[in-house]
PDB file of N, CA and C in Angstrom:
ATOM      1  N   MET A   1      20.939 -40.966 -50.277  1.00  0.00           N
ATOM      2  CA  MET A   1      20.330 -41.612 -51.598  1.00  0.00           C
ATOM      3  C   MET A   1      22.125 -41.202 -52.768  1.00  0.00           C
ATOM      4  N   ASP A   2      21.938 -42.262 -53.825  1.00  0.00           N
ATOM      5  CA  ASP A   2      23.510 -42.913 -54.466  1.00  0.00           C
ATOM      6  C   ASP A   2      23.070 -42.205 -55.264  1.00  0.00           C
ATOM      7  N   ASN A   3      23.446 -41.824 -56.326  1.00  0.00           N
ATOM      8  CA  ASN A   3      23.551 -40.753 -57.624  1.00  0.00           C
ATOM      9  C   ASN A   3      23.182 -41.555 -58.455  1.00  0.00           C
ATOM     10  N   ARG A   4      23.374 -42.893 -58.909  1.00  0.00           N
ATOM     11  CA  ARG A   4      22.811 -43.636 -59.774  1.00  0.00           C
ATOM     12  C   ARG A   4      20.564 -43.619 -59.111  1.00  0.00           C
ATOM     13  N   THR A   5      20.290 -43.498 -58.364  1.00  0.00           N
ATOM     14  CA  THR A   5      18.781 -43.498 -57.985  1.00  0.00           C
ATOM     15  C   THR A   5      18.305 -42.257 -58.317  1.00  0.00           C
ATOM     16  N   LYS A   6      19.199 -40.737 -57.983  1.00  0.00           N
ATOM     17  CA  LYS A   6      18.679 -39.805 -58.398  1.00  0.00           C
ATOM     18  C   LYS A   6      19.089 -39.502 -59.875  1.00  0.00           C
ATOM     19  N   ALA A   7      19.778 -40.613 -60.564  1.00  0.00           N
ATOM     20  CA  ALA A   7      19.757 -39.953 -61.756  1.00  0.00           C
ATOM     21  C   ALA A   7      18.374 -40.231 -62.539  1.00  0.00           C
ATOM     22  N   GLU A   8      17.899 -41.909 -62.332  1.00  0.00           N
ATOM     23  CA  GLU A   8      17.416 -43.094 -62.416  1.00  0.00           C
ATOM     24  C   GLU A   8      15.628 -41.695 -61.960  1.00  0.00           C
ATOM     25  N   ILE A   9      15.762 -41.037 -61.160  1.00  0.00           N
ATOM     26  CA  ILE A   9      14.745 -40.403 -61.357  1.00  0.00           C
ATOM     27  C   ILE A   9      14.360 -39.323 -62.023  1.00  0.00           C
ATOM     28  N   LEU A  10      15.048 -38.721 -62.380  1.00  0.00           N
ATOM     29  CA  LEU A  10      15.238 -37.425 -63.435  1.00  0.00           C
ATOM     30  C   LEU A  10      15.813 -38.028 -64.430  1.00  0.00           C
ATOM     31  N   VAL A  11      15.915 -39.001 -64.574  1.00  0.00           N
ATOM     32  CA  VAL A  11      15.574 -39.468 -66.168  1.00  0.00           C
ATOM     33  C   VAL A  11      13.590 -39.537 -66.397  1.00  0.00           C
ATOM     34  N   GLN A  12      13.526 -40.579 -65.722  1.00  0.00           N
ATOM     35  CA  GLN A  12      11.583 -40.857 -65.151  1.00  0.00           C
ATOM     36  C   GLN A  12      11.099 -39.481 -65.824  1.00  0.00           C
ATOM     37  N   PHE A  13      11.485 -38.564 -64.087  1.00  0.00           N
ATOM     38  CA  PHE A  13      10.961 -37.527 -65.183  1.00  0.00           C
ATOM     39  C   PHE A  13      10.705 -37.505 -66.273  1.00  0.00           C
ATOM     40  N   THR A  14      11.955 -36.790 -66.262  1.00  0.00           N
ATOM     41  CA  THR A  14      11.857 -36.192 -68.137  1.00  0.00           C
ATOM     42  C   THR A  14      11.143 -36.966 -69.490  1.00  0.00           C
ATOM     43  N   GLN A  15      11.257 -38.048 -69.466  1.00  0.00           N
ATOM     44  CA  GLN A  15      10.932 -39.294 -70.232  1.00  0.00           C
ATOM     45  C   GLN A  15       8.604 -39.082 -69.848  1.00  0.00           C
ATOM     46  N   ASP A  16       8.653 -38.832 -69.396  1.00  0.00           N
ATOM     47  CA  ASP A  16       7.008 -38.870 -68.585  1.00  0.00           C
ATOM     48  C   ASP A  16       6.712 -36.756 -69.084  1.00  0.00           C
ATOM     49  N   GLU A  17       7.325 -36.096 -68.608  1.00  0.00           N
ATOM     50  CA  GLU A  17       6.976 -35.012 -69.008  1.00  0.00           C
ATOM     51  C   GLU A  17       7.475 -34.214 -69.817  1.00  0.00           C
ATOM     52  N   PHE A  18       8.637 -34.401 -70.460  1.00  0.00           N
ATOM     53  CA  PHE A  18       9.885 -33.207 -71.128  1.00  0.00           C
ATOM     54  C   PHE A  18       8.997 -32.511 -72.561  1.00  0.00           C
ATOM     55  N   ASN A  19       7.568 -33.944 -72.788  1.00  0.00           N
ATOM     56  CA  ASN A  19       6.923 -32.569 -73.984  1.00  0.00           C
ATOM     57  C   ASN A  19       5.920 -32.792 -73.925  1.00  0.00           C
ATOM     58  N   SER A  20       5.387 -32.310 -72.272  1.00  0.00           N
ATOM     59  CA  SER A  20       3.957 -32.000 -72.274  1.00  0.00           C
ATOM     60  C   SER A  20       4.345 -30.260 -71.274  1.00  0.00           C
ATOM     61  N   GLY A  21       5.731 -29.505 -71.859  1.00  0.00           N
ATOM     62  CA  GLY A  21       5.437 -28.100 -71.518  1.00  0.00           C
ATOM     63  C   GLY A  21       4.888 -27.912 -70.212  1.00  0.00           C
ATOM     64  N   GLU A  22       4.304 -28.267 -69.706  1.00  0.00           N
ATOM     65  CA  GLU A  22       4.090 -27.947 -68.257  1.00  0.00           C
ATOM     66  C   GLU A  22       5.502 -27.479 -67.244  1.00  0.00           C
ATOM     67  N   TYR A  23       6.692 -28.382 -67.249  1.00  0.00           N
ATOM     68  CA  TYR A  23       7.788 -28.165 -67.062  1.00  0.00           C
ATOM     69  C   TYR A  23       8.759 -27.126 -67.689  1.00  0.00           C
ATOM     70  N   GLU A  24       8.455 -26.297 -68.573  1.00  0.00           N
ATOM     71  CA  GLU A  24       9.660 -26.197 -69.939  1.00  0.00           C
ATOM     72  C   GLU A  24      10.660 -25.387 -69.054  1.00  0.00           C
ATOM     73  N   GLU A  25      10.793 -24.723 -68.162  1.00  0.00           N
ATOM     74  CA  GLU A  25      11.614 -23.835 -67.405  1.00  0.00           C
ATOM     75  C   GLU A  25      12.565 -24.364 -66.246  1.00  0.00           C
ATOM     76  N   PHE A  26      11.893 -25.825 -65.606  1.00  0.00           N
ATOM     77  CA  PHE A  26      13.238 -26.902 -65.357  1.00  0.00           C
ATOM     78  C   PHE A  26      13.718 -27.678 -66.457  1.00  0.00           C
ATOM     79  N   PHE A  27      13.581 -27.433 -67.851  1.00  0.00           N
ATOM     80  CA  PHE A  27      13.894 -28.165 -68.724  1.00  0.00           C
ATOM     81  C   PHE A  27      15.104 -27.801 -69.007  1.00  0.00           C
ATOM     82  N   ASP A  28      14.586 -25.980 -68.751  1.00  0.00           N
ATOM     83  CA  ASP A  28      15.686 -25.243 -69.921  1.00  0.00           C
ATOM     84  C   ASP A  28      16.488 -24.839 -68.967  1.00  0.00           C
ATOM     85  N   TYR A  29      16.132 -24.739 -67.483  1.00  0.00           N
ATOM     86  CA  TYR A  29      17.652 -24.337 -67.226  1.00  0.00           C
ATOM     87  C   TYR A  29      18.226 -25.797 -66.660  1.00  0.00           C
ATOM     88  N   ASN A  30      17.799 -26.402 -66.481  1.00  0.00           N
ATOM     89  CA  ASN A  30      18.940 -27.921 -65.909  1.00  0.00           C
ATOM     90  C   ASN A  30      18.458 -28.081 -67.227  1.00  0.00           C
ATOM     91  N   ASP A  31      19.375 -28.140 -68.729  1.00  0.00           N
ATOM     92  CA  ASP A  31      20.357 -28.052 -69.225  1.00  0.00           C
ATOM     93  C   ASP A  31      20.771 -28.530 -70.418  1.00  0.00           C
ATOM     94  N   LEU A  32      22.397 -28.503 -68.798  1.00  0.00           N
ATOM     95  CA  LEU A  32      22.792 -30.214 -68.833  1.00  0.00           C
ATOM     96  C   LEU A  32      22.424 -30.574 -67.999  1.00  0.00           C
ATOM     97  N   GLY A  33      21.915 -30.848 -66.846  1.00  0.00           N
ATOM     98  CA  GLY A  33      21.606 -31.628 -65.490  1.00  0.00           C
ATOM     99  C   GLY A  33      20.885 -32.697 -65.694  1.00  0.00           C
ATOM    100  N   ILE A  34      19.781 -32.495 -66.911  1.00  0.00           N
ATOM    101  CA  ILE A  34      19.141 -33.905 -67.428  1.00  0.00           C
ATOM    102  C   ILE A  34      20.271 -34.479 -68.820  1.00  0.00           C
ATOM    103  N   PRO A  35      20.734 -34.803 -69.686  1.00  0.00           N
ATOM    104  CA  PRO A  35      21.571 -35.180 -69.931  1.00  0.00           C
ATOM    105  C   PRO A  35      22.504 -35.954 -69.619  1.00  0.00           C
ATOM    106  N   LEU A  36      22.865 -35.196 -68.047  1.00  0.00           N
ATOM    107  CA  LEU A  36      23.820 -35.607 -67.598  1.00  0.00           C
ATOM    108  C   LEU A  36      23.761 -37.384 -66.635  1.00  0.00           C
ATOM    109  N   SER A  37      22.124 -36.346 -66.087  1.00  0.00           N
ATOM    110  CA  SER A  37      21.439 -38.189 -65.892  1.00  0.00           C
ATOM    111  C   SER A  37      21.391 -38.968 -66.636  1.00  0.00           C
ATOM    112  N   ILE A  38      20.768 -38.656 -67.856  1.00  0.00           N
ATOM    113  CA  ILE A  38      20.659 -40.076 -68.519  1.00  0.00           C
ATOM    114  C   ILE A  38      21.980 -40.796 -69.188  1.00  0.00           C
ATOM    115  N   ALA A  39      22.652 -39.616 -69.432  1.00  0.00           N
ATOM    116  CA  ALA A  39      24.362 -40.640 -69.403  1.00  0.00           C
ATOM    117  C   ALA A  39      24.814 -41.274 -68.150  1.00  0.00           C
ATOM    118  N   ILE A  40      24.414 -41.191 -67.478  1.00  0.00           N
ATOM    119  CA  ILE A  40      24.481 -42.049 -65.484  1.00  0.00           C
ATOM    120  C   ILE A  40      23.848 -42.875 -65.927  1.00  0.00           C
ATOM    121  N   VAL A  41      22.772 -42.913 -66.082  1.00  0.00           N
ATOM    122  CA  VAL A  41      21.458 -44.015 -66.093  1.00  0.00           C
ATOM    123  C   VAL A  41      22.042 -45.102 -67.300  1.00  0.00           C
ATOM    124  N   GLN A  42      22.632 -44.819 -68.506  1.00  0.00           N
ATOM    125  CA  GLN A  42      23.241 -45.739 -69.143  1.00  0.00           C
ATOM    126  C   GLN A  42      24.284 -45.631 -69.553  1.00  0.00           C
ATOM    127  N   ASP A  43      25.113 -45.436 -68.319  1.00  0.00           N
ATOM    128  CA  ASP A  43      26.202 -46.123 -67.939  1.00  0.00           C
ATOM    129  C   ASP A  43      27.087 -45.383 -68.774  1.00  0.00           C
ATOM    130  N   MET A  44      27.881 -44.221 -69.747  1.00  0.00           N
ATOM    131  CA  MET A  44      28.299 -43.488 -70.094  1.00  0.00           C
ATOM    132  C   MET A  44      29.042 -42.793 -69.861  1.00  0.00           C
ATOM    133  N   VAL A  45      28.973 -42.221 -68.103  1.00  0.00           N
ATOM    134  CA  VAL A  45      29.827 -41.625 -68.281  1.00  0.00           C
ATOM    135  C   VAL A  45      30.619 -41.649 -66.000  1.00  0.00           C
ATOM    136  N   ILE A  46      31.939 -41.781 -65.690  1.00  0.00           N
ATOM    137  CA  ILE A  46      32.037 -41.253 -64.710  1.00  0.00           C
ATOM    138  C   ILE A  46      31.803 -40.156 -64.287  1.00  0.00           C
ATOM    139  N   LEU A  47      31.374 -39.608 -63.046  1.00  0.00           N
ATOM    140  CA  LEU A  47      31.324 -38.456 -62.421  1.00  0.00           C
ATOM    141  C   LEU A  47      32.223 -38.455 -61.671  1.00  0.00           C
ATOM    142  N   THR A  48      32.237 -36.721 -62.018  1.00  0.00           N
ATOM    143  CA  THR A  48      33.322 -36.138 -61.744  1.00  0.00           C
ATOM    144  C   THR A  48      33.613 -35.078 -60.884  1.00  0.00           C
ATOM    145  N   ASP A  49      34.196 -34.344 -60.049  1.00  0.00           N
ATOM    146  CA  ASP A  49      32.925 -33.788 -58.830  1.00  0.00           C
ATOM    147  C   ASP A  49      32.199 -32.658 -59.478  1.00  0.00           C
ATOM    148  N   SER A  50      32.064 -32.291 -60.682  1.00  0.00           N
ATOM    149  CA  SER A  50      31.705 -31.464 -60.385  1.00  0.00           C
ATOM    150  C   SER A  50      30.623 -31.987 -61.773  1.00  0.00           C
ATOM    151  N   GLY A  51      30.974 -32.778 -61.686  1.00  0.00           N
ATOM    152  CA  GLY A  51      29.588 -33.204 -62.139  1.00  0.00           C
ATOM    153  C   GLY A  51      28.815 -34.211 -61.170  1.00  0.00           C
ATOM    154  N   GLU A  52      29.353 -34.587 -60.151  1.00  0.00           N
ATOM    155  CA  GLU A  52      28.192 -34.620 -58.884  1.00  0.00           C
ATOM    156  C   GLU A  52      27.906 -33.954 -58.267  1.00  0.00           C
ATOM    157  N   GLU A  53      28.413 -32.305 -58.242  1.00  0.00           N
ATOM    158  CA  GLU A  53      27.531 -31.150 -58.077  1.00  0.00           C
ATOM    159  C   GLU A  53      26.158 -30.902 -59.243  1.00  0.00           C
ATOM    160  N   LEU A  54      26.564 -30.706 -60.499  1.00  0.00           N
ATOM    161  CA  LEU A  54      25.846 -30.507 -61.016  1.00  0.00           C
ATOM    162  C   LEU A  54      24.253 -31.219 -61.153  1.00  0.00           C
ATOM    163  N   LEU A  55      24.580 -32.562 -60.985  1.00  0.00           N
ATOM    164  CA  LEU A  55      23.538 -34.020 -60.456  1.00  0.00           C
ATOM    165  C   LEU A  55      23.133 -33.058 -59.146  1.00  0.00           C
ATOM    166  N   GLU A  56      23.432 -32.767 -57.853  1.00  0.00           N
ATOM    167  CA  GLU A  56      22.874 -32.779 -57.329  1.00  0.00           C
ATOM    168  C   GLU A  56      22.196 -31.054 -57.041  1.00  0.00           C
ATOM    169  N   GLU A  57      22.417 -30.221 -58.303  1.00  0.00           N
ATOM    170  CA  GLU A  57      21.470 -29.197 -58.390  1.00  0.00           C
ATOM    171  C   GLU A  57      20.279 -29.714 -59.073  1.00  0.00           C
ATOM    172  N   THR A  58      20.753 -30.352 -60.127  1.00  0.00           N
ATOM    173  CA  THR A  58      19.369 -30.130 -60.795  1.00  0.00           C
ATOM    174  C   THR A  58      18.390 -31.655 -59.382  1.00  0.00           C
ATOM    175  N   TRP A  59      18.759 -32.431 -58.814  1.00  0.00           N
ATOM    176  CA  TRP A  59      18.032 -32.987 -58.039  1.00  0.00           C
ATOM    177  C   TRP A  59      18.231 -32.092 -57.397  1.00  0.00           C
ATOM    178  N   LYS A  60      18.592 -31.024 -56.397  1.00  0.00           N
ATOM    179  CA  LYS A  60      17.170 -30.438 -55.818  1.00  0.00           C
ATOM    180  C   LYS A  60      16.557 -28.728 -56.393  1.00  0.00           C
ATOM    181  N   ASP A  61      16.771 -29.575 -57.206  1.00  0.00           N
ATOM    182  CA  ASP A  61      15.644 -28.455 -58.157  1.00  0.00           C
ATOM    183  C   ASP A  61      14.471 -28.856 -58.329  1.00  0.00           C
ATOM    184  N   LEU A  62      14.320 -30.335 -59.072  1.00  0.00           N
ATOM    185  CA  LEU A  62      13.290 -30.842 -59.459  1.00  0.00           C
ATOM    186  C   LEU A  62      12.426 -31.178 -57.585  1.00  0.00           C
ATOM    187  N   CYS A  63      13.613 -31.215 -56.661  1.00  0.00           N
ATOM    188  CA  CYS A  63      12.585 -31.406 -55.264  1.00  0.00           C
ATOM    189  C   CYS A  63      11.951 -29.870 -54.869  1.00  0.00           C
ATOM    190  N   LEU A  64      12.899 -29.055 -55.217  1.00  0.00           N
ATOM    191  CA  LEU A  64      11.753 -28.333 -54.484  1.00  0.00           C
ATOM    192  C   LEU A  64      10.736 -27.533 -56.361  1.00  0.00           C
ATOM    193  N   LEU A  65      10.847 -28.302 -56.434  1.00  0.00           N
ATOM    194  CA  LEU A  65       9.715 -28.095 -57.786  1.00  0.00           C
ATOM    195  C   LEU A  65       8.522 -28.973 -57.103  1.00  0.00           C
ATOM    196  N   PHE A  66       8.453 -29.666 -56.485  1.00  0.00           N
ATOM    197  CA  PHE A  66       7.402 -30.355 -55.955  1.00  0.00           C
ATOM    198  C   PHE A  66       7.390 -30.174 -53.935  1.00  0.00           C
ATOM    199  N   ASP A  67       8.143 -29.352 -53.634  1.00  0.00           N
ATOM    200  CA  ASP A  67       8.429 -29.411 -52.527  1.00  0.00           C
ATOM    201  C   ASP A  67       8.984 -30.269 -51.400  1.00  0.00           C
ATOM    202  N   ALA A  68       9.789 -31.228 -51.716  1.00  0.00           N
ATOM    203  CA  ALA A  68       9.752 -32.552 -51.683  1.00  0.00           C
ATOM    204  C   ALA A  68      11.321 -32.163 -50.796  1.00  0.00           C
ATOM    205  N   ASN A  69      11.240 -32.701 -49.548  1.00  0.00           N
ATOM    206  CA  ASN A  69      13.059 -33.121 -49.201  1.00  0.00           C
ATOM    207  C   ASN A  69      13.910 -33.641 -50.167  1.00  0.00           C
ATOM    208  N   PRO A  70      15.122 -32.803 -50.807  1.00  0.00           N
ATOM    209  CA  PRO A  70      16.412 -33.642 -51.476  1.00  0.00           C
ATOM    210  C   PRO A  70      16.669 -34.950 -50.268  1.00  0.00           C
ATOM    211  N   ASP A  71      16.779 -34.876 -49.086  1.00  0.00           N
ATOM    212  CA  ASP A  71      17.796 -35.578 -48.247  1.00  0.00           C
ATOM    213  C   ASP A  71      16.422 -36.606 -48.103  1.00  0.00           C
ATOM    214  N   ASN A  72      15.315 -36.863 -48.357  1.00  0.00           N
ATOM    215  CA  ASN A  72      14.674 -38.323 -48.422  1.00  0.00           C
ATOM    216  C   ASN A  72      14.685 -38.674 -49.147  1.00  0.00           C
ATOM    217  N   GLU A  73      14.461 -40.543 -49.150  1.00  0.00           N
ATOM    218  CA  GLU A  73      15.042 -41.317 -49.268  1.00  0.00           C
ATOM    219  C   GLU A  73      13.978 -42.036 -51.023  1.00  0.00           C
ATOM    220  N   TYR A  74      13.568 -41.477 -52.304  1.00  0.00           N
ATOM    221  CA  TYR A  74      12.720 -42.040 -53.003  1.00  0.00           C
ATOM    222  C   TYR A  74      13.251 -42.781 -54.006  1.00  0.00           C
ATOM    223  N   GLU A  75      12.338 -43.787 -54.153  1.00  0.00           N
ATOM    224  CA  GLU A  75      12.922 -45.300 -55.898  1.00  0.00           C
ATOM    225  C   GLU A  75      12.072 -44.168 -56.537  1.00  0.00           C
ATOM    226  N   THR A  76      11.069 -44.191 -56.779  1.00  0.00           N
ATOM    227  CA  THR A  76      10.651 -43.416 -58.239  1.00  0.00           C
ATOM    228  C   THR A  76      10.442 -42.224 -58.350  1.00  0.00           C
ATOM    229  N   ILE A  77       9.630 -41.708 -59.068  1.00  0.00           N
ATOM    230  CA  ILE A  77       9.318 -40.591 -59.637  1.00  0.00           C
ATOM    231  C   ILE A  77       8.296 -40.805 -58.621  1.00  0.00           C
ATOM    232  N   ASP A  78       7.258 -41.331 -58.867  1.00  0.00           N
ATOM    233  CA  ASP A  78       6.116 -40.834 -58.078  1.00  0.00           C
ATOM    234  C   ASP A  78       6.162 -40.284 -56.593  1.00  0.00           C
ATOM    235  N   ASP A  79       6.787 -41.795 -55.784  1.00  0.00           N
ATOM    236  CA  ASP A  79       7.911 -41.549 -54.783  1.00  0.00           C
ATOM    237  C   ASP A  79       7.848 -40.207 -54.319  1.00  0.00           C
ATOM    238  N   LEU A  80       8.639 -39.046 -55.368  1.00  0.00           N
ATOM    239  CA  LEU A  80       8.707 -37.960 -54.665  1.00  0.00           C
ATOM    240  C   LEU A  80       7.726 -36.840 -55.669  1.00  0.00           C
ATOM    241  N   THR A  81       7.415 -37.531 -55.694  1.00  0.00           N
ATOM    242  CA  THR A  81       5.693 -36.337 -56.394  1.00  0.00           C
ATOM    243  C   THR A  81       4.433 -36.490 -55.391  1.00  0.00           C
ATOM    244  N   THR A  82       4.492 -37.536 -54.254  1.00  0.00           N
ATOM    245  CA  THR A  82       3.333 -37.604 -53.338  1.00  0.00           C
ATOM    246  C   THR A  82       3.942 -37.390 -51.924  1.00  0.00           C
ATOM    247  N   LYS A  83       5.291 -37.934 -51.881  1.00  0.00           N
ATOM    248  CA  LYS A  83       5.666 -37.972 -50.205  1.00  0.00           C
ATOM    249  C   LYS A  83       5.142 -38.424 -49.789  1.00  0.00           C
TER     250      LYS A  83
END
């Protein structure tokens, strides 16, 4: 799955859940990866190697949160959360 799609799914999740309080620990830990995802979706950045590593770590954390395989293909946050 490409970095843009991962970022789009991370942004979808953030928009849906950021204010709910349920995933506060996830958002606290990924305080750099989430804004990076937003910047990617807004075409504001070109990823460096370290940026790609950060995005990948944030992506894996999201997949772990929902017991989803980070290597699978997903199109939306609903695809990821319902496996």
